[in-house]
Amino acid sequence: SHLRALEEAGYIRMEKSFINRKPNTSYSITDDGMESFSSHLKALEELIRNQ
């Protein structure tokens, strides 16, 4: 899945827990993930500016 690929790349982390006896999975972005995402946004902005 896409989430697994992002986790394996080190861009997100997964945490599994239980809330009121129900399984809960949450994801958060890592520092590497934030850096990569920011770089991607800058590249997209540059592409838009140069058109």
N, C-alpha and C. Protein backbone atom coordinates (compact mmCIF):
# COMPACT_ATOMS: atom_id res chain seq x y z
N SER A 1 0.83 -1.18 0.00
CA SER A 1 0.00 0.00 0.00
C SER A 1 0.88 1.25 0.00
N HIS A 2 0.28 2.39 -0.24
CA HIS A 2 1.03 3.65 -0.27
C HIS A 2 1.60 3.98 1.10
N LEU A 3 0.82 3.75 2.14
CA LEU A 3 1.30 4.05 3.49
C LEU A 3 2.50 3.19 3.86
N ARG A 4 2.46 1.94 3.48
CA ARG A 4 3.58 1.04 3.79
C ARG A 4 4.85 1.52 3.08
N ALA A 5 4.70 1.94 1.82
CA ALA A 5 5.86 2.44 1.07
C ALA A 5 6.43 3.69 1.73
N LEU A 6 5.57 4.59 2.17
CA LEU A 6 6.03 5.80 2.85
C LEU A 6 6.72 5.46 4.18
N GLU A 7 6.18 4.48 4.88
CA GLU A 7 6.78 4.07 6.15
C GLU A 7 8.15 3.43 5.90
N GLU A 8 8.23 2.57 4.90
CA GLU A 8 9.51 1.91 4.59
C GLU A 8 10.56 2.92 4.13
N ALA A 9 10.12 4.00 3.50
CA ALA A 9 11.04 5.05 3.06
C ALA A 9 11.46 5.96 4.21
N GLY A 10 10.80 5.82 5.36
CA GLY A 10 11.13 6.64 6.52
C GLY A 10 10.44 7.99 6.54
N TYR A 11 9.40 8.17 5.72
CA TYR A 11 8.70 9.45 5.64
C TYR A 11 7.58 9.58 6.66
N ILE A 12 7.03 8.47 7.10
CA ILE A 12 5.98 8.49 8.12
C ILE A 12 6.27 7.42 9.15
N ARG A 13 5.63 7.55 10.31
CA ARG A 13 5.70 6.48 11.33
C ARG A 13 4.28 6.09 11.70
N MET A 14 4.13 4.82 12.01
CA MET A 14 2.82 4.28 12.35
C MET A 14 2.81 3.92 13.83
N GLU A 15 1.68 4.17 14.47
CA GLU A 15 1.51 3.78 15.87
C GLU A 15 0.16 3.10 16.01
N LYS A 16 0.19 1.88 16.53
CA LYS A 16 -1.05 1.14 16.76
C LYS A 16 -1.35 1.15 18.25
N SER A 17 -2.62 1.34 18.57
CA SER A 17 -3.05 1.35 19.96
C SER A 17 -4.50 0.91 20.03
N PHE A 18 -5.02 0.92 21.23
CA PHE A 18 -6.44 0.62 21.44
C PHE A 18 -7.09 1.79 22.14
N ILE A 19 -8.27 2.17 21.67
CA ILE A 19 -9.07 3.22 22.30
C ILE A 19 -10.43 2.60 22.60
N ASN A 20 -10.77 2.55 23.88
CA ASN A 20 -12.02 1.89 24.30
C ASN A 20 -12.13 0.48 23.72
N ARG A 21 -11.04 -0.26 23.82
CA ARG A 21 -10.97 -1.65 23.36
C ARG A 21 -11.10 -1.82 21.85
N LYS A 22 -10.98 -0.75 21.11
CA LYS A 22 -11.03 -0.83 19.65
C LYS A 22 -9.66 -0.47 19.09
N PRO A 23 -9.20 -1.21 18.09
CA PRO A 23 -7.90 -0.90 17.53
C PRO A 23 -7.90 0.47 16.84
N ASN A 24 -6.79 1.17 17.00
CA ASN A 24 -6.64 2.49 16.41
C ASN A 24 -5.23 2.59 15.82
N THR A 25 -5.14 3.03 14.57
CA THR A 25 -3.86 3.22 13.92
C THR A 25 -3.72 4.69 13.56
N SER A 26 -2.60 5.28 13.95
CA SER A 26 -2.35 6.68 13.60
C SER A 26 -0.99 6.78 12.91
N TYR A 27 -0.88 7.77 12.05
CA TYR A 27 0.34 8.01 11.29
C TYR A 27 0.80 9.43 11.53
N SER A 28 2.10 9.63 11.56
CA SER A 28 2.65 10.98 11.68
C SER A 28 3.86 11.09 10.77
N ILE A 29 4.12 12.31 10.32
CA ILE A 29 5.23 12.54 9.40
C ILE A 29 6.54 12.64 10.20
N THR A 30 7.60 12.11 9.63
CA THR A 30 8.92 12.19 10.26
C THR A 30 9.63 13.45 9.77
N ASP A 31 10.77 13.76 10.37
CA ASP A 31 11.56 14.90 9.91
C ASP A 31 11.98 14.72 8.46
N ASP A 32 12.41 13.51 8.10
CA ASP A 32 12.78 13.23 6.70
C ASP A 32 11.58 13.40 5.78
N GLY A 33 10.42 12.96 6.23
CA GLY A 33 9.21 13.10 5.43
C GLY A 33 8.85 14.56 5.22
N MET A 34 8.97 15.37 6.25
CA MET A 34 8.66 16.80 6.13
C MET A 34 9.65 17.48 5.19
N GLU A 35 10.91 17.12 5.30
CA GLU A 35 11.92 17.70 4.42
C GLU A 35 11.66 17.34 2.96
N SER A 36 11.33 16.09 2.72
CA SER A 36 11.04 15.64 1.36
C SER A 36 9.79 16.30 0.81
N PHE A 37 8.76 16.42 1.63
CA PHE A 37 7.51 17.05 1.20
C PHE A 37 7.74 18.53 0.87
N SER A 38 8.49 19.22 1.71
CA SER A 38 8.79 20.63 1.46
C SER A 38 9.57 20.80 0.16
N SER A 39 10.51 19.92 -0.07
CA SER A 39 11.29 19.95 -1.31
C SER A 39 10.39 19.72 -2.52
N HIS A 40 9.47 18.80 -2.40
CA HIS A 40 8.52 18.52 -3.48
C HIS A 40 7.64 19.74 -3.77
N LEU A 41 7.15 20.39 -2.73
CA LEU A 41 6.33 21.59 -2.91
C LEU A 41 7.12 22.71 -3.60
N LYS A 42 8.37 22.89 -3.21
CA LYS A 42 9.21 23.91 -3.84
C LYS A 42 9.40 23.61 -5.32
N ALA A 43 9.59 22.35 -5.67
CA ALA A 43 9.75 21.96 -7.07
C ALA A 43 8.47 22.24 -7.85
N LEU A 44 7.32 21.95 -7.26
CA LEU A 44 6.05 22.23 -7.93
C LEU A 44 5.84 23.73 -8.12
N GLU A 45 6.17 24.52 -7.10
CA GLU A 45 6.04 25.97 -7.21
C GLU A 45 6.94 26.51 -8.32
N GLU A 46 8.14 26.00 -8.41
CA GLU A 46 9.07 26.42 -9.46
C GLU A 46 8.54 26.05 -10.83
N LEU A 47 7.97 24.89 -10.96
CA LEU A 47 7.38 24.45 -12.22
C LEU A 47 6.24 25.38 -12.64
N ILE A 48 5.41 25.75 -11.70
CA ILE A 48 4.28 26.64 -12.00
C ILE A 48 4.78 28.03 -12.40
N ARG A 49 5.78 28.54 -11.70
CA ARG A 49 6.32 29.87 -12.01
C ARG A 49 6.93 29.95 -13.40
N ASN A 50 7.52 28.86 -13.85
CA ASN A 50 8.24 28.86 -15.13
C ASN A 50 7.36 28.56 -16.33
N GLN A 51 6.08 28.48 -16.15
CA GLN A 51 5.20 28.19 -17.29
C GLN A 51 4.73 29.45 -17.95
